[in-house]
Protein backbone atom coordinates (compact mmCIF):
# COMPACT_ATOMS: atom_id res chain seq x y z
CA UNK A 1 0.00 0.00 0.00
CA UNK A 2 2.89 2.39 0.61
CA UNK A 3 3.86 2.13 -3.05
CA UNK A 4 0.28 2.97 -4.07
CA UNK A 5 0.20 5.97 -1.73
CA UNK A 6 3.48 7.29 -3.12
CA UNK A 7 2.25 6.96 -6.70
CA UNK A 8 -1.02 8.74 -5.89
CA UNK A 9 0.94 11.56 -4.23
CA UNK A 10 3.24 11.79 -7.26
CA UNK A 11 0.26 11.97 -9.63
CA UNK A 12 -1.55 14.55 -7.50
CA UNK A 13 1.55 16.78 -7.34
CA UNK A 14 1.49 16.91 -11.15
CA UNK A 15 5.17 17.73 -11.57
CA UNK A 16 6.26 14.50 -13.20
CA UNK A 17 3.45 13.34 -15.49
CA UNK A 18 5.92 12.34 -18.22
CA UNK A 19 7.83 10.02 -15.89
CA UNK A 20 4.96 7.77 -14.75
CA UNK A 21 5.48 4.20 -15.90
CA UNK A 22 2.79 2.28 -17.75
CA UNK A 23 2.93 -0.69 -15.40
CA UNK A 24 2.81 1.62 -12.36
CA UNK A 25 -0.34 3.31 -13.62
CA UNK A 26 -1.96 0.02 -14.68
CA UNK A 27 -1.43 -1.53 -11.25
CA UNK A 28 -2.67 1.66 -9.54
CA UNK A 29 -5.91 1.66 -11.52
CA UNK A 30 -6.45 -2.04 -10.79
CA UNK A 31 -5.83 -1.45 -7.07
CA UNK A 32 -8.44 1.32 -7.18
CA UNK A 33 -11.02 -1.15 -8.45
CA UNK A 34 -10.94 -0.48 -12.18
CA UNK A 35 -11.48 -3.34 -14.62
CA UNK A 36 -9.09 -3.52 -17.56
CA UNK A 37 -10.01 -4.39 -21.13
CA UNK A 38 -7.37 -4.48 -23.85
CA UNK A 39 -8.17 -3.73 -27.49
CA UNK A 40 -5.03 -3.59 -29.57
CA UNK A 41 -2.73 -1.00 -28.03
CA UNK A 42 -5.53 0.53 -25.95
CA UNK A 43 -5.88 -0.41 -22.29
CA UNK A 44 -9.36 0.70 -21.26
CA UNK A 45 -10.29 1.03 -17.58
CA UNK A 46 -13.84 1.23 -16.22
CA UNK A 47 -15.39 1.16 -12.81
CA UNK A 48 -19.12 0.78 -12.21
CA UNK A 49 -19.50 3.84 -9.97
CA UNK A 50 -17.38 6.15 -12.17
CA UNK A 51 -18.77 7.55 -15.41
CA UNK A 52 -15.42 8.32 -17.03
CA UNK A 53 -13.60 5.67 -19.01
CA UNK A 54 -9.81 5.84 -18.90
CA UNK A 55 -7.93 4.85 -22.04
CA UNK A 56 -4.18 4.32 -21.76
CA UNK A 57 -1.76 3.99 -24.61
CA UNK A 58 1.94 4.16 -24.10
CA UNK A 59 5.09 5.12 -25.86
CA UNK A 60 7.74 2.74 -24.59
CA UNK A 61 7.60 2.21 -20.85
CA UNK A 62 6.04 5.60 -19.99
CA UNK A 63 2.47 6.80 -20.22
CA UNK A 64 1.53 9.92 -22.13
CA UNK A 65 1.34 12.98 -19.86
CA UNK A 66 -2.24 13.87 -20.86
CA UNK A 67 -3.36 10.42 -19.74
CA UNK A 68 -1.80 10.92 -16.30
CA UNK A 69 -3.67 14.25 -16.19
CA UNK A 70 -6.95 12.41 -16.91
CA UNK A 71 -6.23 9.87 -14.15
CA UNK A 72 -5.46 12.75 -11.74
CA UNK A 73 -8.79 14.41 -12.61
CA UNK A 74 -10.70 11.18 -11.85
CA UNK A 75 -8.80 10.63 -8.58
CA UNK A 76 -9.66 14.16 -7.45
CA UNK A 77 -13.28 14.15 -8.68
CA UNK A 78 -14.15 10.87 -6.99
CA UNK A 79 -11.73 11.22 -4.06
CA UNK A 80 -10.06 7.90 -4.83
CA UNK A 81 -7.20 6.58 -2.79
CA UNK A 82 -6.20 3.91 -0.34
CA UNK A 83 -9.14 4.72 1.91
CA UNK A 84 -11.46 4.05 -1.03
CA UNK A 85 -13.88 1.14 -0.82
CA UNK A 86 -12.51 -0.37 -4.05
PDB file of N, CA and C in Angstrom:
ATOM      1  N   UNK A   1       0.805  -1.204   0.000  1.00  0.00           N
ATOM      2  CA  UNK A   1       0.000   0.000   0.000  1.00  0.00           C
ATOM      3  C   UNK A   1       0.848   1.267   0.000  1.00  0.00           C
ATOM      4  N   UNK A   2       2.027   1.212   0.579  1.00  0.00           N
ATOM      5  CA  UNK A   2       2.885   2.393   0.611  1.00  0.00           C
ATOM      6  C   UNK A   2       3.275   2.816  -0.794  1.00  0.00           C
ATOM      7  N   UNK A   3       3.513   1.832  -1.659  1.00  0.00           N
ATOM      8  CA  UNK A   3       3.864   2.134  -3.046  1.00  0.00           C
ATOM      9  C   UNK A   3       2.699   2.826  -3.758  1.00  0.00           C
ATOM     10  N   UNK A   4       1.475   2.360  -3.491  1.00  0.00           N
ATOM     11  CA  UNK A   4       0.276   2.965  -4.068  1.00  0.00           C
ATOM     12  C   UNK A   4       0.119   4.396  -3.590  1.00  0.00           C
ATOM     13  N   UNK A   5       0.308   4.610  -2.278  1.00  0.00           N
ATOM     14  CA  UNK A   5       0.204   5.971  -1.727  1.00  0.00           C
ATOM     15  C   UNK A   5       1.211   6.913  -2.359  1.00  0.00           C
ATOM     16  N   UNK A   6       2.438   6.448  -2.525  1.00  0.00           N
ATOM     17  CA  UNK A   6       3.478   7.290  -3.115  1.00  0.00           C
ATOM     18  C   UNK A   6       3.139   7.644  -4.556  1.00  0.00           C
ATOM     19  N   UNK A   7       2.606   6.686  -5.309  1.00  0.00           N
ATOM     20  CA  UNK A   7       2.251   6.963  -6.697  1.00  0.00           C
ATOM     21  C   UNK A   7       1.094   7.945  -6.776  1.00  0.00           C
ATOM     22  N   UNK A   8       0.101   7.789  -5.914  1.00  0.00           N
ATOM     23  CA  UNK A   8      -1.024   8.738  -5.891  1.00  0.00           C
ATOM     24  C   UNK A   8      -0.512  10.137  -5.569  1.00  0.00           C
ATOM     25  N   UNK A   9       0.369  10.250  -4.584  1.00  0.00           N
ATOM     26  CA  UNK A   9       0.937  11.556  -4.235  1.00  0.00           C
ATOM     27  C   UNK A   9       1.694  12.151  -5.420  1.00  0.00           C
ATOM     28  N   UNK A  10       2.471  11.331  -6.102  1.00  0.00           N
ATOM     29  CA  UNK A  10       3.245  11.791  -7.264  1.00  0.00           C
ATOM     30  C   UNK A  10       2.306  12.291  -8.374  1.00  0.00           C
ATOM     31  N   UNK A  11       1.227  11.562  -8.610  1.00  0.00           N
ATOM     32  CA  UNK A  11       0.259  11.969  -9.630  1.00  0.00           C
ATOM     33  C   UNK A  11      -0.437  13.260  -9.222  1.00  0.00           C
ATOM     34  N   UNK A  12      -0.835  13.362  -7.962  1.00  0.00           N
ATOM     35  CA  UNK A  12      -1.547  14.552  -7.500  1.00  0.00           C
ATOM     36  C   UNK A  12      -0.670  15.795  -7.505  1.00  0.00           C
ATOM     37  N   UNK A  13       0.643  15.624  -7.267  1.00  0.00           N
ATOM     38  CA  UNK A  13       1.554  16.776  -7.341  1.00  0.00           C
ATOM     39  C   UNK A  13       1.616  17.342  -8.750  1.00  0.00           C
ATOM     40  N   UNK A  14       1.541  16.466  -9.756  1.00  0.00           N
ATOM     41  CA  UNK A  14       1.488  16.913 -11.146  1.00  0.00           C
ATOM     42  C   UNK A  14       2.782  17.441 -11.724  1.00  0.00           C
ATOM     43  N   UNK A  15       3.893  17.199 -11.074  1.00  0.00           N
ATOM     44  CA  UNK A  15       5.167  17.726 -11.566  1.00  0.00           C
ATOM     45  C   UNK A  15       5.934  16.740 -12.434  1.00  0.00           C
ATOM     46  N   UNK A  16       5.487  15.497 -12.470  1.00  0.00           N
ATOM     47  CA  UNK A  16       6.263  14.497 -13.198  1.00  0.00           C
ATOM     48  C   UNK A  16       5.370  13.565 -14.015  1.00  0.00           C
ATOM     49  N   UNK A  17       4.386  14.147 -14.705  1.00  0.00           N
ATOM     50  CA  UNK A  17       3.452  13.342 -15.490  1.00  0.00           C
ATOM     51  C   UNK A  17       4.151  12.514 -16.562  1.00  0.00           C
ATOM     52  N   UNK A  18       5.223  13.036 -17.134  1.00  0.00           N
ATOM     53  CA  UNK A  18       5.924  12.336 -18.216  1.00  0.00           C
ATOM     54  C   UNK A  18       6.782  11.183 -17.708  1.00  0.00           C
ATOM     55  N   UNK A  19       6.952  11.067 -16.411  1.00  0.00           N
ATOM     56  CA  UNK A  19       7.831  10.015 -15.892  1.00  0.00           C
ATOM     57  C   UNK A  19       7.077   8.870 -15.211  1.00  0.00           C
ATOM     58  N   UNK A  20       5.758   8.839 -15.350  1.00  0.00           N
ATOM     59  CA  UNK A  20       4.962   7.773 -14.748  1.00  0.00           C
ATOM     60  C   UNK A  20       5.010   6.553 -15.666  1.00  0.00           C
ATOM     61  N   UNK A  21       5.386   5.432 -15.120  1.00  0.00           N
ATOM     62  CA  UNK A  21       5.481   4.202 -15.902  1.00  0.00           C
ATOM     63  C   UNK A  21       4.124   3.594 -16.202  1.00  0.00           C
ATOM     64  N   UNK A  22       4.031   2.925 -17.335  1.00  0.00           N
ATOM     65  CA  UNK A  22       2.788   2.279 -17.746  1.00  0.00           C
ATOM     66  C   UNK A  22       2.360   1.232 -16.727  1.00  0.00           C
ATOM     67  N   UNK A  23       3.278   0.375 -16.345  1.00  0.00           N
ATOM     68  CA  UNK A  23       2.933  -0.692 -15.402  1.00  0.00           C
ATOM     69  C   UNK A  23       2.543  -0.135 -14.044  1.00  0.00           C
ATOM     70  N   UNK A  24       3.178   0.962 -13.629  1.00  0.00           N
ATOM     71  CA  UNK A  24       2.810   1.618 -12.358  1.00  0.00           C
ATOM     72  C   UNK A  24       1.358   2.071 -12.402  1.00  0.00           C
ATOM     73  N   UNK A  25       1.002   2.756 -13.496  1.00  0.00           N
ATOM     74  CA  UNK A  25      -0.341   3.308 -13.619  1.00  0.00           C
ATOM     75  C   UNK A  25      -1.377   2.197 -13.776  1.00  0.00           C
ATOM     76  N   UNK A  26      -1.042   1.153 -14.523  1.00  0.00           N
ATOM     77  CA  UNK A  26      -1.959   0.018 -14.680  1.00  0.00           C
ATOM     78  C   UNK A  26      -2.245  -0.620 -13.325  1.00  0.00           C
ATOM     79  N   UNK A  27      -1.209  -0.880 -12.543  1.00  0.00           N
ATOM     80  CA  UNK A  27      -1.434  -1.528 -11.246  1.00  0.00           C
ATOM     81  C   UNK A  27      -2.182  -0.602 -10.284  1.00  0.00           C
ATOM     82  N   UNK A  28      -1.941   0.708 -10.371  1.00  0.00           N
ATOM     83  CA  UNK A  28      -2.674   1.655  -9.535  1.00  0.00           C
ATOM     84  C   UNK A  28      -4.160   1.599  -9.854  1.00  0.00           C
ATOM     85  N   UNK A  29      -4.502   1.669 -11.139  1.00  0.00           N
ATOM     86  CA  UNK A  29      -5.912   1.656 -11.522  1.00  0.00           C
ATOM     87  C   UNK A  29      -6.580   0.354 -11.095  1.00  0.00           C
ATOM     88  N   UNK A  30      -5.891  -0.758 -11.234  1.00  0.00           N
ATOM     89  CA  UNK A  30      -6.450  -2.043 -10.790  1.00  0.00           C
ATOM     90  C   UNK A  30      -6.647  -2.053  -9.280  1.00  0.00           C
ATOM     91  N   UNK A  31      -5.694  -1.483  -8.532  1.00  0.00           N
ATOM     92  CA  UNK A  31      -5.829  -1.453  -7.074  1.00  0.00           C
ATOM     93  C   UNK A  31      -6.950  -0.525  -6.620  1.00  0.00           C
ATOM     94  N   UNK A  32      -7.332   0.420  -7.481  1.00  0.00           N
ATOM     95  CA  UNK A  32      -8.444   1.321  -7.178  1.00  0.00           C
ATOM     96  C   UNK A  32      -9.780   0.742  -7.622  1.00  0.00           C
ATOM     97  N   UNK A  33      -9.775  -0.484  -8.117  1.00  0.00           N
ATOM     98  CA  UNK A  33     -11.023  -1.152  -8.450  1.00  0.00           C
ATOM     99  C   UNK A  33     -11.456  -1.059  -9.895  1.00  0.00           C
ATOM    100  N   UNK A  34     -10.595  -0.574 -10.770  1.00  0.00           N
ATOM    101  CA  UNK A  34     -10.937  -0.476 -12.184  1.00  0.00           C
ATOM    102  C   UNK A  34     -10.740  -1.831 -12.858  1.00  0.00           C
ATOM    103  N   UNK A  35     -11.625  -2.144 -13.812  1.00  0.00           N
ATOM    104  CA  UNK A  35     -11.480  -3.341 -14.615  1.00  0.00           C
ATOM    105  C   UNK A  35     -10.776  -2.954 -15.909  1.00  0.00           C
ATOM    106  N   UNK A  36      -9.882  -3.807 -16.363  1.00  0.00           N
ATOM    107  CA  UNK A  36      -9.092  -3.517 -17.559  1.00  0.00           C
ATOM    108  C   UNK A  36      -9.594  -4.352 -18.734  1.00  0.00           C
ATOM    109  N   UNK A  37      -9.713  -3.704 -19.877  1.00  0.00           N
ATOM    110  CA  UNK A  37     -10.012  -4.391 -21.126  1.00  0.00           C
ATOM    111  C   UNK A  37      -8.974  -3.935 -22.135  1.00  0.00           C
ATOM    112  N   UNK A  38      -8.408  -4.833 -22.883  1.00  0.00           N
ATOM    113  CA  UNK A  38      -7.367  -4.480 -23.847  1.00  0.00           C
ATOM    114  C   UNK A  38      -7.901  -4.702 -25.249  1.00  0.00           C
ATOM    115  N   UNK A  39      -7.796  -3.654 -26.075  1.00  0.00           N
ATOM    116  CA  UNK A  39      -8.167  -3.731 -27.485  1.00  0.00           C
ATOM    117  C   UNK A  39      -7.009  -3.160 -28.291  1.00  0.00           C
ATOM    118  N   UNK A  40      -6.219  -4.033 -28.846  1.00  0.00           N
ATOM    119  CA  UNK A  40      -5.032  -3.591 -29.571  1.00  0.00           C
ATOM    120  C   UNK A  40      -4.049  -2.949 -28.607  1.00  0.00           C
ATOM    121  N   UNK A  41      -3.676  -1.702 -28.900  1.00  0.00           N
ATOM    122  CA  UNK A  41      -2.732  -1.003 -28.026  1.00  0.00           C
ATOM    123  C   UNK A  41      -3.439  -0.174 -26.952  1.00  0.00           C
ATOM    124  N   UNK A  42      -4.755  -0.240 -26.916  1.00  0.00           N
ATOM    125  CA  UNK A  42      -5.532   0.530 -25.946  1.00  0.00           C
ATOM    126  C   UNK A  42      -5.844  -0.320 -24.717  1.00  0.00           C
ATOM    127  N   UNK A  43      -5.523   0.213 -23.562  1.00  0.00           N
ATOM    128  CA  UNK A  43      -5.882  -0.407 -22.286  1.00  0.00           C
ATOM    129  C   UNK A  43      -6.987   0.470 -21.707  1.00  0.00           C
ATOM    130  N   UNK A  44      -8.186  -0.072 -21.654  1.00  0.00           N
ATOM    131  CA  UNK A  44      -9.362   0.704 -21.261  1.00  0.00           C
ATOM    132  C   UNK A  44      -9.774   0.288 -19.857  1.00  0.00           C
ATOM    133  N   UNK A  45      -9.971   1.274 -18.996  1.00  0.00           N
ATOM    134  CA  UNK A  45     -10.292   1.031 -17.584  1.00  0.00           C
ATOM    135  C   UNK A  45     -11.651   1.622 -17.266  1.00  0.00           C
ATOM    136  N   UNK A  46     -12.501   0.808 -16.627  1.00  0.00           N
ATOM    137  CA  UNK A  46     -13.835   1.225 -16.225  1.00  0.00           C
ATOM    138  C   UNK A  46     -14.076   0.776 -14.795  1.00  0.00           C
ATOM    139  N   UNK A  47     -14.932   1.530 -14.156  1.00  0.00           N
ATOM    140  CA  UNK A  47     -15.388   1.156 -12.814  1.00  0.00           C
ATOM    141  C   UNK A  47     -16.866   1.507 -12.748  1.00  0.00           C
ATOM    142  N   UNK A  48     -17.669   0.640 -12.188  1.00  0.00           N
ATOM    143  CA  UNK A  48     -19.121   0.780 -12.208  1.00  0.00           C
ATOM    144  C   UNK A  48     -19.601   2.128 -11.684  1.00  0.00           C
ATOM    145  N   UNK A  49     -19.021   2.612 -10.606  1.00  0.00           N
ATOM    146  CA  UNK A  49     -19.497   3.844  -9.970  1.00  0.00           C
ATOM    147  C   UNK A  49     -18.827   5.109 -10.504  1.00  0.00           C
ATOM    148  N   UNK A  50     -18.075   4.996 -11.587  1.00  0.00           N
ATOM    149  CA  UNK A  50     -17.381   6.148 -12.169  1.00  0.00           C
ATOM    150  C   UNK A  50     -17.777   6.255 -13.635  1.00  0.00           C
ATOM    151  N   UNK A  51     -18.278   7.423 -14.038  1.00  0.00           N
ATOM    152  CA  UNK A  51     -18.772   7.554 -15.407  1.00  0.00           C
ATOM    153  C   UNK A  51     -17.667   7.658 -16.457  1.00  0.00           C
ATOM    154  N   UNK A  52     -16.511   8.189 -16.072  1.00  0.00           N
ATOM    155  CA  UNK A  52     -15.417   8.321 -17.025  1.00  0.00           C
ATOM    156  C   UNK A  52     -14.812   6.961 -17.353  1.00  0.00           C
ATOM    157  N   UNK A  53     -14.356   6.848 -18.577  1.00  0.00           N
ATOM    158  CA  UNK A  53     -13.601   5.671 -19.011  1.00  0.00           C
ATOM    159  C   UNK A  53     -12.187   6.160 -19.268  1.00  0.00           C
ATOM    160  N   UNK A  54     -11.207   5.457 -18.729  1.00  0.00           N
ATOM    161  CA  UNK A  54      -9.808   5.844 -18.900  1.00  0.00           C
ATOM    162  C   UNK A  54      -9.175   4.947 -19.960  1.00  0.00           C
ATOM    163  N   UNK A  55      -8.537   5.565 -20.942  1.00  0.00           N
ATOM    164  CA  UNK A  55      -7.930   4.846 -22.044  1.00  0.00           C
ATOM    165  C   UNK A  55      -6.440   5.147 -22.033  1.00  0.00           C
ATOM    166  N   UNK A  56      -5.627   4.128 -21.802  1.00  0.00           N
ATOM    167  CA  UNK A  56      -4.181   4.316 -21.757  1.00  0.00           C
ATOM    168  C   UNK A  56      -3.519   3.705 -22.972  1.00  0.00           C
ATOM    169  N   UNK A  57      -2.660   4.470 -23.583  1.00  0.00           N
ATOM    170  CA  UNK A  57      -1.758   3.986 -24.613  1.00  0.00           C
ATOM    171  C   UNK A  57      -0.391   4.426 -24.132  1.00  0.00           C
ATOM    172  N   UNK A  58       0.628   3.758 -24.580  1.00  0.00           N
ATOM    173  CA  UNK A  58       1.938   4.160 -24.098  1.00  0.00           C
ATOM    174  C   UNK A  58       2.943   4.221 -25.227  1.00  0.00           C
ATOM    175  N   UNK A  59       3.944   5.016 -24.975  1.00  0.00           N
ATOM    176  CA  UNK A  59       5.088   5.120 -25.862  1.00  0.00           C
ATOM    177  C   UNK A  59       6.257   4.565 -25.064  1.00  0.00           C
ATOM    178  N   UNK A  60       6.682   3.369 -25.381  1.00  0.00           N
ATOM    179  CA  UNK A  60       7.737   2.744 -24.591  1.00  0.00           C
ATOM    180  C   UNK A  60       7.200   2.358 -23.233  1.00  0.00           C
ATOM    181  N   UNK A  61       7.975   2.613 -22.207  1.00  0.00           N
ATOM    182  CA  UNK A  61       7.597   2.210 -20.852  1.00  0.00           C
ATOM    183  C   UNK A  61       6.839   3.296 -20.095  1.00  0.00           C
ATOM    184  N   UNK A  62       6.682   4.481 -20.680  1.00  0.00           N
ATOM    185  CA  UNK A  62       6.042   5.603 -19.994  1.00  0.00           C
ATOM    186  C   UNK A  62       4.670   5.888 -20.584  1.00  0.00           C
ATOM    187  N   UNK A  63       3.775   6.389 -19.739  1.00  0.00           N
ATOM    188  CA  UNK A  63       2.468   6.803 -20.221  1.00  0.00           C
ATOM    189  C   UNK A  63       2.579   8.205 -20.809  1.00  0.00           C
ATOM    190  N   UNK A  64       1.571   8.574 -21.559  1.00  0.00           N
ATOM    191  CA  UNK A  64       1.529   9.920 -22.128  1.00  0.00           C
ATOM    192  C   UNK A  64       1.060  10.883 -21.034  1.00  0.00           C
ATOM    193  N   UNK A  65       1.679  12.054 -20.943  1.00  0.00           N
ATOM    194  CA  UNK A  65       1.336  12.985 -19.860  1.00  0.00           C
ATOM    195  C   UNK A  65      -0.150  13.346 -19.778  1.00  0.00           C
ATOM    196  N   UNK A  66      -0.828  13.502 -20.919  1.00  0.00           N
ATOM    197  CA  UNK A  66      -2.235  13.870 -20.861  1.00  0.00           C
ATOM    198  C   UNK A  66      -3.077  12.760 -20.227  1.00  0.00           C
ATOM    199  N   UNK A  67      -2.626  11.520 -20.352  1.00  0.00           N
ATOM    200  CA  UNK A  67      -3.358  10.419 -19.740  1.00  0.00           C
ATOM    201  C   UNK A  67      -3.195  10.425 -18.219  1.00  0.00           C
ATOM    202  N   UNK A  68      -2.020  10.784 -17.744  1.00  0.00           N
ATOM    203  CA  UNK A  68      -1.805  10.922 -16.299  1.00  0.00           C
ATOM    204  C   UNK A  68      -2.685  12.058 -15.775  1.00  0.00           C
ATOM    205  N   UNK A  69      -2.807  13.122 -16.562  1.00  0.00           N
ATOM    206  CA  UNK A  69      -3.673  14.249 -16.185  1.00  0.00           C
ATOM    207  C   UNK A  69      -5.129  13.780 -16.053  1.00  0.00           C
ATOM    208  N   UNK A  70      -5.579  12.927 -16.978  1.00  0.00           N
ATOM    209  CA  UNK A  70      -6.950  12.405 -16.907  1.00  0.00           C
ATOM    210  C   UNK A  70      -7.144  11.532 -15.664  1.00  0.00           C
ATOM    211  N   UNK A  71      -6.155  10.713 -15.346  1.00  0.00           N
ATOM    212  CA  UNK A  71      -6.232   9.874 -14.147  1.00  0.00           C
ATOM    213  C   UNK A  71      -6.286  10.765 -12.910  1.00  0.00           C
ATOM    214  N   UNK A  72      -5.458  11.819 -12.876  1.00  0.00           N
ATOM    215  CA  UNK A  72      -5.463  12.749 -11.740  1.00  0.00           C
ATOM    216  C   UNK A  72      -6.842  13.382 -11.573  1.00  0.00           C
ATOM    217  N   UNK A  73      -7.468  13.788 -12.670  1.00  0.00           N
ATOM    218  CA  UNK A  73      -8.790  14.408 -12.605  1.00  0.00           C
ATOM    219  C   UNK A  73      -9.825  13.448 -12.009  1.00  0.00           C
ATOM    220  N   UNK A  74      -9.762  12.173 -12.382  1.00  0.00           N
ATOM    221  CA  UNK A  74     -10.695  11.178 -11.849  1.00  0.00           C
ATOM    222  C   UNK A  74     -10.419  10.933 -10.365  1.00  0.00           C
ATOM    223  N   UNK A  75      -9.150  10.834  -9.987  1.00  0.00           N
ATOM    224  CA  UNK A  75      -8.796  10.629  -8.575  1.00  0.00           C
ATOM    225  C   UNK A  75      -9.346  11.777  -7.725  1.00  0.00           C
ATOM    226  N   UNK A  76      -9.176  12.993  -8.201  1.00  0.00           N
ATOM    227  CA  UNK A  76      -9.662  14.155  -7.453  1.00  0.00           C
ATOM    228  C   UNK A  76     -11.183  14.228  -7.438  1.00  0.00           C
ATOM    229  N   UNK A  77     -11.819  14.036  -8.585  1.00  0.00           N
ATOM    230  CA  UNK A  77     -13.276  14.155  -8.684  1.00  0.00           C
ATOM    231  C   UNK A  77     -13.985  13.152  -7.782  1.00  0.00           C
ATOM    232  N   UNK A  78     -13.484  11.927  -7.747  1.00  0.00           N
ATOM    233  CA  UNK A  78     -14.148  10.872  -6.987  1.00  0.00           C
ATOM    234  C   UNK A  78     -13.471  10.573  -5.650  1.00  0.00           C
ATOM    235  N   UNK A  79     -12.448  11.360  -5.328  1.00  0.00           N
ATOM    236  CA  UNK A  79     -11.729  11.217  -4.060  1.00  0.00           C
ATOM    237  C   UNK A  79     -11.229   9.779  -3.852  1.00  0.00           C
ATOM    238  N   UNK A  80     -10.570   9.265  -4.890  1.00  0.00           N
ATOM    239  CA  UNK A  80     -10.056   7.899  -4.832  1.00  0.00           C
ATOM    240  C   UNK A  80      -8.738   7.849  -4.102  1.00  0.00           C
ATOM    241  N   UNK A  81      -8.457   6.754  -3.494  1.00  0.00           N
ATOM    242  CA  UNK A  81      -7.202   6.581  -2.791  1.00  0.00           C
ATOM    243  C   UNK A  81      -7.226   5.294  -1.995  1.00  0.00           C
ATOM    244  N   UNK A  82      -6.286   5.138  -1.125  1.00  0.00           N
ATOM    245  CA  UNK A  82      -6.199   3.908  -0.345  1.00  0.00           C
ATOM    246  C   UNK A  82      -7.358   3.742   0.624  1.00  0.00           C
ATOM    247  N   UNK A  83      -7.995   4.805   1.012  1.00  0.00           N
ATOM    248  CA  UNK A  83      -9.136   4.724   1.915  1.00  0.00           C
ATOM    249  C   UNK A  83     -10.423   4.438   1.158  1.00  0.00           C
ATOM    250  N   UNK A  84     -10.316   4.327  -0.171  1.00  0.00           N
ATOM    251  CA  UNK A  84     -11.456   4.054  -1.025  1.00  0.00           C
ATOM    252  C   UNK A  84     -11.991   2.654  -0.760  1.00  0.00           C
ATOM    253  N   UNK A  85     -13.244   2.433  -1.039  1.00  0.00           N
ATOM    254  CA  UNK A  85     -13.884   1.135  -0.822  1.00  0.00           C
ATOM    255  C   UNK A  85     -13.592   0.132  -1.923  1.00  0.00           C
ATOM    256  N   UNK A  86     -12.742   0.461  -2.863  1.00  0.00           N
ATOM    257  CA  UNK A  86     -12.514  -0.371  -4.049  1.00  0.00           C
ATOM    258  C   UNK A  86     -12.244  -1.784  -3.761  1.00  0.00           C
TER     259      UNK A  86
END
